[in-house]
Amino acid sequence: MERDLGRAIERDELRLVYQPIYSLTSLQAVSVETLIRWNHPTMGTILSSEFLPIAKETGLIEHIGGWTLQESCRQLRQ
């Protein structure tokens, strides 16, 4: 998994998922939480809680964080 995670960005396997956050008083969306998912070619969708600890241990977390910021800005512009 560690080796595959190192190639996940270059293989375009990471995805951002947006989850609205609602106000309980107005019942309207007030913000959005951005979540990251890894679409592994053989293991399917892997939640961040499973792969981010590995990314932290191996130093890949900075690459993933940079990708996340760049991709969310790209999607916002779009």
PDB file of N, CA and C in Angstrom:
ATOM      1  N   MET A   1       0.832  -1.194   0.000  1.00  0.00           N
ATOM      2  CA  MET A   1       0.000   0.000   0.000  1.00  0.00           C
ATOM      3  C   MET A   1       0.874   1.254   0.000  1.00  0.00           C
ATOM      4  N   GLU A   2       1.974   1.206   0.745  1.00  0.00           N
ATOM      5  CA  GLU A   2       2.871   2.358   0.806  1.00  0.00           C
ATOM      6  C   GLU A   2       3.442   2.684  -0.577  1.00  0.00           C
ATOM      7  N   ARG A   3       3.868   1.668  -1.299  1.00  0.00           N
ATOM      8  CA  ARG A   3       4.425   1.869  -2.644  1.00  0.00           C
ATOM      9  C   ARG A   3       3.361   2.430  -3.589  1.00  0.00           C
ATOM     10  N   ASP A   4       2.163   1.873  -3.525  1.00  0.00           N
ATOM     11  CA  ASP A   4       1.068   2.347  -4.386  1.00  0.00           C
ATOM     12  C   ASP A   4       0.686   3.782  -4.056  1.00  0.00           C
ATOM     13  N   LEU A   5       0.702   4.129  -2.786  1.00  0.00           N
ATOM     14  CA  LEU A   5       0.345   5.481  -2.375  1.00  0.00           C
ATOM     15  C   LEU A   5       1.326   6.495  -2.937  1.00  0.00           C
ATOM     16  N   GLY A   6       2.587   6.116  -3.022  1.00  0.00           N
ATOM     17  CA  GLY A   6       3.592   6.995  -3.589  1.00  0.00           C
ATOM     18  C   GLY A   6       3.337   7.339  -5.047  1.00  0.00           C
ATOM     19  N   ARG A   7       2.592   6.483  -5.738  1.00  0.00           N
ATOM     20  CA  ARG A   7       2.285   6.715  -7.155  1.00  0.00           C
ATOM     21  C   ARG A   7       0.848   7.171  -7.402  1.00  0.00           C
ATOM     22  N   ALA A   8       0.078   7.290  -6.349  1.00  0.00           N
ATOM     23  CA  ALA A   8      -1.348   7.621  -6.490  1.00  0.00           C
ATOM     24  C   ALA A   8      -1.572   8.979  -7.146  1.00  0.00           C
ATOM     25  N   ILE A   9      -0.749   9.965  -6.830  1.00  0.00           N
ATOM     26  CA  ILE A   9      -0.925  11.299  -7.416  1.00  0.00           C
ATOM     27  C   ILE A   9      -0.614  11.266  -8.900  1.00  0.00           C
ATOM     28  N   GLU A  10       0.532  10.697  -9.261  1.00  0.00           N
ATOM     29  CA  GLU A  10       0.899  10.677 -10.677  1.00  0.00           C
ATOM     30  C   GLU A  10      -0.041   9.821 -11.510  1.00  0.00           C
ATOM     31  N   ARG A  11      -0.705   8.872 -10.899  1.00  0.00           N
ATOM     32  CA  ARG A  11      -1.664   8.016 -11.615  1.00  0.00           C
ATOM     33  C   ARG A  11      -3.088   8.572 -11.572  1.00  0.00           C
ATOM     34  N   ASP A  12      -3.239   9.755 -10.976  1.00  0.00           N
ATOM     35  CA  ASP A  12      -4.541  10.425 -10.892  1.00  0.00           C
ATOM     36  C   ASP A  12      -5.589   9.563 -10.179  1.00  0.00           C
ATOM     37  N   GLU A  13      -5.193   8.965  -9.066  1.00  0.00           N
ATOM     38  CA  GLU A  13      -6.078   8.081  -8.316  1.00  0.00           C
ATOM     39  C   GLU A  13      -6.748   8.751  -7.120  1.00  0.00           C
ATOM     40  N   LEU A  14      -6.312   9.960  -6.777  1.00  0.00           N
ATOM     41  CA  LEU A  14      -6.912  10.660  -5.642  1.00  0.00           C
ATOM     42  C   LEU A  14      -8.093  11.500  -6.116  1.00  0.00           C
ATOM     43  N   ARG A  15      -9.115  11.585  -5.296  1.00  0.00           N
ATOM     44  CA  ARG A  15     -10.311  12.355  -5.613  1.00  0.00           C
ATOM     45  C   ARG A  15     -10.731  13.165  -4.395  1.00  0.00           C
ATOM     46  N   LEU A  16     -11.295  14.326  -4.660  1.00  0.00           N
ATOM     47  CA  LEU A  16     -11.869  15.140  -3.594  1.00  0.00           C
ATOM     48  C   LEU A  16     -13.381  14.965  -3.613  1.00  0.00           C
ATOM     49  N   VAL A  17     -13.937  14.886  -2.432  1.00  0.00           N
ATOM     50  CA  VAL A  17     -15.384  14.742  -2.258  1.00  0.00           C
ATOM     51  C   VAL A  17     -15.822  15.875  -1.344  1.00  0.00           C
ATOM     52  N   TYR A  18     -16.888  16.538  -1.708  1.00  0.00           N
ATOM     53  CA  TYR A  18     -17.354  17.687  -0.927  1.00  0.00           C
ATOM     54  C   TYR A  18     -18.628  17.320  -0.179  1.00  0.00           C
ATOM     55  N   GLN A  19     -18.634  17.647   1.100  1.00  0.00           N
ATOM     56  CA  GLN A  19     -19.767  17.343   1.973  1.00  0.00           C
ATOM     57  C   GLN A  19     -20.285  18.640   2.572  1.00  0.00           C
ATOM     58  N   PRO A  20     -21.540  18.983   2.293  1.00  0.00           N
ATOM     59  CA  PRO A  20     -22.073  20.230   2.853  1.00  0.00           C
ATOM     60  C   PRO A  20     -22.251  20.130   4.371  1.00  0.00           C
ATOM     61  N   ILE A  21     -22.084  21.269   5.010  1.00  0.00           N
ATOM     62  CA  ILE A  21     -22.325  21.379   6.448  1.00  0.00           C
ATOM     63  C   ILE A  21     -23.500  22.336   6.624  1.00  0.00           C
ATOM     64  N   TYR A  22     -24.524  21.866   7.323  1.00  0.00           N
ATOM     65  CA  TYR A  22     -25.768  22.626   7.472  1.00  0.00           C
ATOM     66  C   TYR A  22     -25.890  23.252   8.851  1.00  0.00           C
ATOM     67  N   SER A  23     -26.511  24.408   8.881  1.00  0.00           N
ATOM     68  CA  SER A  23     -26.866  25.056  10.138  1.00  0.00           C
ATOM     69  C   SER A  23     -28.109  24.356  10.685  1.00  0.00           C
ATOM     70  N   LEU A  24     -28.083  24.014  11.949  1.00  0.00           N
ATOM     71  CA  LEU A  24     -29.247  23.360  12.544  1.00  0.00           C
ATOM     72  C   LEU A  24     -30.397  24.336  12.768  1.00  0.00           C
ATOM     73  N   THR A  25     -30.098  25.614  12.864  1.00  0.00           N
ATOM     74  CA  THR A  25     -31.165  26.587  13.086  1.00  0.00           C
ATOM     75  C   THR A  25     -31.846  26.999  11.787  1.00  0.00           C
ATOM     76  N   SER A  26     -31.070  27.219  10.728  1.00  0.00           N
ATOM     77  CA  SER A  26     -31.667  27.675   9.465  1.00  0.00           C
ATOM     78  C   SER A  26     -31.875  26.536   8.473  1.00  0.00           C
ATOM     79  N   LEU A  27     -31.266  25.386   8.733  1.00  0.00           N
ATOM     80  CA  LEU A  27     -31.330  24.230   7.839  1.00  0.00           C
ATOM     81  C   LEU A  27     -30.771  24.537   6.444  1.00  0.00           C
ATOM     82  N   GLN A  28     -29.866  25.513   6.369  1.00  0.00           N
ATOM     83  CA  GLN A  28     -29.221  25.861   5.110  1.00  0.00           C
ATOM     84  C   GLN A  28     -27.746  25.476   5.176  1.00  0.00           C
ATOM     85  N   ALA A  29     -27.197  25.162   4.008  1.00  0.00           N
ATOM     86  CA  ALA A  29     -25.768  24.858   3.938  1.00  0.00           C
ATOM     87  C   ALA A  29     -24.980  26.124   4.253  1.00  0.00           C
ATOM     88  N   VAL A  30     -24.030  26.016   5.164  1.00  0.00           N
ATOM     89  CA  VAL A  30     -23.242  27.183   5.560  1.00  0.00           C
ATOM     90  C   VAL A  30     -21.772  27.044   5.164  1.00  0.00           C
ATOM     91  N   SER A  31     -21.344  25.844   4.881  1.00  0.00           N
ATOM     92  CA  SER A  31     -19.976  25.619   4.426  1.00  0.00           C
ATOM     93  C   SER A  31     -19.876  24.227   3.813  1.00  0.00           C
ATOM     94  N   VAL A  32     -18.668  23.905   3.392  1.00  0.00           N
ATOM     95  CA  VAL A  32     -18.424  22.610   2.764  1.00  0.00           C
ATOM     96  C   VAL A  32     -17.145  22.025   3.340  1.00  0.00           C
ATOM     97  N   GLU A  33     -17.188  20.763   3.655  1.00  0.00           N
ATOM     98  CA  GLU A  33     -15.997  20.047   4.107  1.00  0.00           C
ATOM     99  C   GLU A  33     -15.441  19.279   2.914  1.00  0.00           C
ATOM    100  N   THR A  34     -14.132  19.343   2.733  1.00  0.00           N
ATOM    101  CA  THR A  34     -13.487  18.624   1.641  1.00  0.00           C
ATOM    102  C   THR A  34     -12.861  17.351   2.185  1.00  0.00           C
ATOM    103  N   LEU A  35     -13.219  16.242   1.588  1.00  0.00           N
ATOM    104  CA  LEU A  35     -12.689  14.938   1.986  1.00  0.00           C
ATOM    105  C   LEU A  35     -11.880  14.379   0.824  1.00  0.00           C
ATOM    106  N   ILE A  36     -10.887  13.570   1.122  1.00  0.00           N
ATOM    107  CA  ILE A  36     -10.072  12.965   0.073  1.00  0.00           C
ATOM    108  C   ILE A  36     -10.285  11.460   0.068  1.00  0.00           C
ATOM    109  N   ARG A  37     -10.364  10.904  -1.124  1.00  0.00           N
ATOM    110  CA  ARG A  37     -10.521   9.467  -1.317  1.00  0.00           C
ATOM    111  C   ARG A  37      -9.442   8.991  -2.283  1.00  0.00           C
ATOM    112  N   TRP A  38      -9.031   7.757  -2.114  1.00  0.00           N
ATOM    113  CA  TRP A  38      -8.055   7.148  -3.008  1.00  0.00           C
ATOM    114  C   TRP A  38      -8.758   6.044  -3.770  1.00  0.00           C
ATOM    115  N   ASN A  39      -8.844   6.194  -5.063  1.00  0.00           N
ATOM    116  CA  ASN A  39      -9.445   5.167  -5.918  1.00  0.00           C
ATOM    117  C   ASN A  39      -8.346   4.212  -6.365  1.00  0.00           C
ATOM    118  N   HIS A  40      -8.066   3.237  -5.520  1.00  0.00           N
ATOM    119  CA  HIS A  40      -7.001   2.262  -5.784  1.00  0.00           C
ATOM    120  C   HIS A  40      -7.443   1.336  -6.918  1.00  0.00           C
ATOM    121  N   PRO A  41      -6.548   1.021  -7.855  1.00  0.00           N
ATOM    122  CA  PRO A  41      -6.945   0.226  -9.020  1.00  0.00           C
ATOM    123  C   PRO A  41      -7.422  -1.188  -8.701  1.00  0.00           C
ATOM    124  N   THR A  42      -6.966  -1.788  -7.621  1.00  0.00           N
ATOM    125  CA  THR A  42      -7.417  -3.147  -7.301  1.00  0.00           C
ATOM    126  C   THR A  42      -8.209  -3.230  -5.994  1.00  0.00           C
ATOM    127  N   MET A  43      -7.968  -2.299  -5.078  1.00  0.00           N
ATOM    128  CA  MET A  43      -8.650  -2.351  -3.776  1.00  0.00           C
ATOM    129  C   MET A  43      -9.889  -1.467  -3.722  1.00  0.00           C
ATOM    130  N   GLY A  44     -10.152  -0.710  -4.773  1.00  0.00           N
ATOM    131  CA  GLY A  44     -11.332   0.156  -4.795  1.00  0.00           C
ATOM    132  C   GLY A  44     -11.110   1.435  -4.007  1.00  0.00           C
ATOM    133  N   THR A  45     -12.196   2.010  -3.551  1.00  0.00           N
ATOM    134  CA  THR A  45     -12.125   3.276  -2.821  1.00  0.00           C
ATOM    135  C   THR A  45     -11.589   3.061  -1.413  1.00  0.00           C
ATOM    136  N   ILE A  46     -10.553   3.830  -1.086  1.00  0.00           N
ATOM    137  CA  ILE A  46      -9.937   3.752   0.239  1.00  0.00           C
ATOM    138  C   ILE A  46     -10.161   5.098   0.927  1.00  0.00           C
ATOM    139  N   LEU A  47     -10.703   5.048   2.123  1.00  0.00           N
ATOM    140  CA  LEU A  47     -10.963   6.264   2.888  1.00  0.00           C
ATOM    141  C   LEU A  47      -9.662   6.865   3.411  1.00  0.00           C
ATOM    142  N   SER A  48      -9.689   8.158   3.637  1.00  0.00           N
ATOM    143  CA  SER A  48      -8.498   8.864   4.114  1.00  0.00           C
ATOM    144  C   SER A  48      -8.021   8.331   5.464  1.00  0.00           C
ATOM    145  N   SER A  49      -8.934   7.866   6.288  1.00  0.00           N
ATOM    146  CA  SER A  49      -8.539   7.343   7.601  1.00  0.00           C
ATOM    147  C   SER A  49      -7.645   6.111   7.475  1.00  0.00           C
ATOM    148  N   GLU A  50      -7.691   5.462   6.322  1.00  0.00           N
ATOM    149  CA  GLU A  50      -6.859   4.282   6.101  1.00  0.00           C
ATOM    150  C   GLU A  50      -5.500   4.622   5.507  1.00  0.00           C
ATOM    151  N   PHE A  51      -5.438   5.637   4.626  1.00  0.00           N
ATOM    152  CA  PHE A  51      -4.162   5.890   3.961  1.00  0.00           C
ATOM    153  C   PHE A  51      -3.399   7.110   4.474  1.00  0.00           C
ATOM    154  N   LEU A  52      -4.058   8.058   5.132  1.00  0.00           N
ATOM    155  CA  LEU A  52      -3.328   9.225   5.618  1.00  0.00           C
ATOM    156  C   LEU A  52      -2.321   8.894   6.731  1.00  0.00           C
ATOM    157  N   PRO A  53      -2.606   7.943   7.626  1.00  0.00           N
ATOM    158  CA  PRO A  53      -1.567   7.581   8.605  1.00  0.00           C
ATOM    159  C   PRO A  53      -0.293   7.057   7.927  1.00  0.00           C
ATOM    160  N   ILE A  54      -0.453   6.311   6.855  1.00  0.00           N
ATOM    161  CA  ILE A  54       0.709   5.816   6.104  1.00  0.00           C
ATOM    162  C   ILE A  54       1.434   6.982   5.452  1.00  0.00           C
ATOM    163  N   ALA A  55       0.663   7.920   4.914  1.00  0.00           N
ATOM    164  CA  ALA A  55       1.262   9.102   4.279  1.00  0.00           C
ATOM    165  C   ALA A  55       2.057   9.914   5.292  1.00  0.00           C
ATOM    166  N   LYS A  56       1.554  10.016   6.508  1.00  0.00           N
ATOM    167  CA  LYS A  56       2.270  10.762   7.557  1.00  0.00           C
ATOM    168  C   LYS A  56       3.575  10.062   7.936  1.00  0.00           C
ATOM    169  N   GLU A  57       3.517   8.746   8.082  1.00  0.00           N
ATOM    170  CA  GLU A  57       4.693   7.967   8.466  1.00  0.00           C
ATOM    171  C   GLU A  57       5.794   8.014   7.412  1.00  0.00           C
ATOM    172  N   THR A  58       5.411   8.070   6.149  1.00  0.00           N
ATOM    173  CA  THR A  58       6.384   7.976   5.056  1.00  0.00           C
ATOM    174  C   THR A  58       6.807   9.328   4.498  1.00  0.00           C
ATOM    175  N   GLY A  59       6.192  10.401   4.971  1.00  0.00           N
ATOM    176  CA  GLY A  59       6.530  11.719   4.449  1.00  0.00           C
ATOM    177  C   GLY A  59       5.772  12.109   3.193  1.00  0.00           C
ATOM    178  N   LEU A  60       4.849  11.264   2.757  1.00  0.00           N
ATOM    179  CA  LEU A  60       4.052  11.574   1.566  1.00  0.00           C
ATOM    180  C   LEU A  60       2.947  12.577   1.850  1.00  0.00           C
ATOM    181  N   ILE A  61       2.708  12.855   3.120  1.00  0.00           N
ATOM    182  CA  ILE A  61       1.603  13.733   3.498  1.00  0.00           C
ATOM    183  C   ILE A  61       1.755  15.125   2.900  1.00  0.00           C
ATOM    184  N   GLU A  62       2.977  15.605   2.771  1.00  0.00           N
ATOM    185  CA  GLU A  62       3.178  16.942   2.194  1.00  0.00           C
ATOM    186  C   GLU A  62       2.823  16.967   0.711  1.00  0.00           C
ATOM    187  N   HIS A  63       3.156  15.907  -0.010  1.00  0.00           N
ATOM    188  CA  HIS A  63       2.792  15.825  -1.428  1.00  0.00           C
ATOM    189  C   HIS A  63       1.278  15.750  -1.599  1.00  0.00           C
ATOM    190  N   ILE A  64       0.638  14.964  -0.750  1.00  0.00           N
ATOM    191  CA  ILE A  64      -0.810  14.819  -0.822  1.00  0.00           C
ATOM    192  C   ILE A  64      -1.489  16.126  -0.425  1.00  0.00           C
ATOM    193  N   GLY A  65      -0.968  16.795   0.601  1.00  0.00           N
ATOM    194  CA  GLY A  65      -1.518  18.088   1.009  1.00  0.00           C
ATOM    195  C   GLY A  65      -1.400  19.123  -0.088  1.00  0.00           C
ATOM    196  N   GLY A  66      -0.244  19.159  -0.758  1.00  0.00           N
ATOM    197  CA  GLY A  66      -0.051  20.085  -1.877  1.00  0.00           C
ATOM    198  C   GLY A  66      -1.000  19.795  -3.025  1.00  0.00           C
ATOM    199  N   TRP A  67      -1.162  18.510  -3.340  1.00  0.00           N
ATOM    200  CA  TRP A  67      -2.088  18.114  -4.399  1.00  0.00           C
ATOM    201  C   TRP A  67      -3.512  18.532  -4.035  1.00  0.00           C
ATOM    202  N   THR A  68      -3.901  18.305  -2.781  1.00  0.00           N
ATOM    203  CA  THR A  68      -5.250  18.633  -2.327  1.00  0.00           C
ATOM    204  C   THR A  68      -5.531  20.124  -2.473  1.00  0.00           C
ATOM    205  N   LEU A  69      -4.600  20.949  -2.063  1.00  0.00           N
ATOM    206  CA  LEU A  69      -4.773  22.391  -2.189  1.00  0.00           C
ATOM    207  C   LEU A  69      -4.867  22.813  -3.655  1.00  0.00           C
ATOM    208  N   GLN A  70      -3.968  22.304  -4.472  1.00  0.00           N
ATOM    209  CA  GLN A  70      -3.967  22.643  -5.900  1.00  0.00           C
ATOM    210  C   GLN A  70      -5.244  22.169  -6.593  1.00  0.00           C
ATOM    211  N   GLU A  71      -5.661  20.966  -6.309  1.00  0.00           N
ATOM    212  CA  GLU A  71      -6.858  20.410  -6.954  1.00  0.00           C
ATOM    213  C   GLU A  71      -8.127  21.123  -6.503  1.00  0.00           C
ATOM    214  N   SER A  72      -8.237  21.442  -5.222  1.00  0.00           N
ATOM    215  CA  SER A  72      -9.440  22.139  -4.757  1.00  0.00           C
ATOM    216  C   SER A  72      -9.511  23.542  -5.370  1.00  0.00           C
ATOM    217  N   CYS A  73      -8.381  24.209  -5.520  1.00  0.00           N
ATOM    218  CA  CYS A  73      -8.374  25.525  -6.174  1.00  0.00           C
ATOM    219  C   CYS A  73      -8.729  25.403  -7.659  1.00  0.00           C
ATOM    220  N   ARG A  74      -8.216  24.360  -8.307  1.00  0.00           N
ATOM    221  CA  ARG A  74      -8.551  24.136  -9.718  1.00  0.00           C
ATOM    222  C   ARG A  74     -10.052  23.909  -9.891  1.00  0.00           C
ATOM    223  N   GLN A  75     -10.628  23.095  -9.017  1.00  0.00           N
ATOM    224  CA  GLN A  75     -12.057  22.825  -9.103  1.00  0.00           C
ATOM    225  C   GLN A  75     -12.881  24.061  -8.780  1.00  0.00           C
ATOM    226  N   LEU A  76     -12.432  24.868  -7.860  1.00  0.00           N
ATOM    227  CA  LEU A  76     -13.140  26.099  -7.523  1.00  0.00           C
ATOM    228  C   LEU A  76     -13.166  27.056  -8.724  1.00  0.00           C
ATOM    229  N   ARG A  77     -12.017  27.178  -9.396  1.00  0.00           N
ATOM    230  CA  ARG A  77     -11.959  28.045 -10.586  1.00  0.00           C
ATOM    231  C   ARG A  77     -12.892  27.534 -11.684  1.00  0.00           C
ATOM    232  N   GLN A  78     -12.976  26.233 -11.801  1.00  0.00           N
ATOM    233  CA  GLN A  78     -13.804  25.610 -12.830  1.00  0.00           C
ATOM    234  C   GLN A  78     -15.263  25.875 -12.562  1.00  0.00           C
TER     235      GLN A  78
END
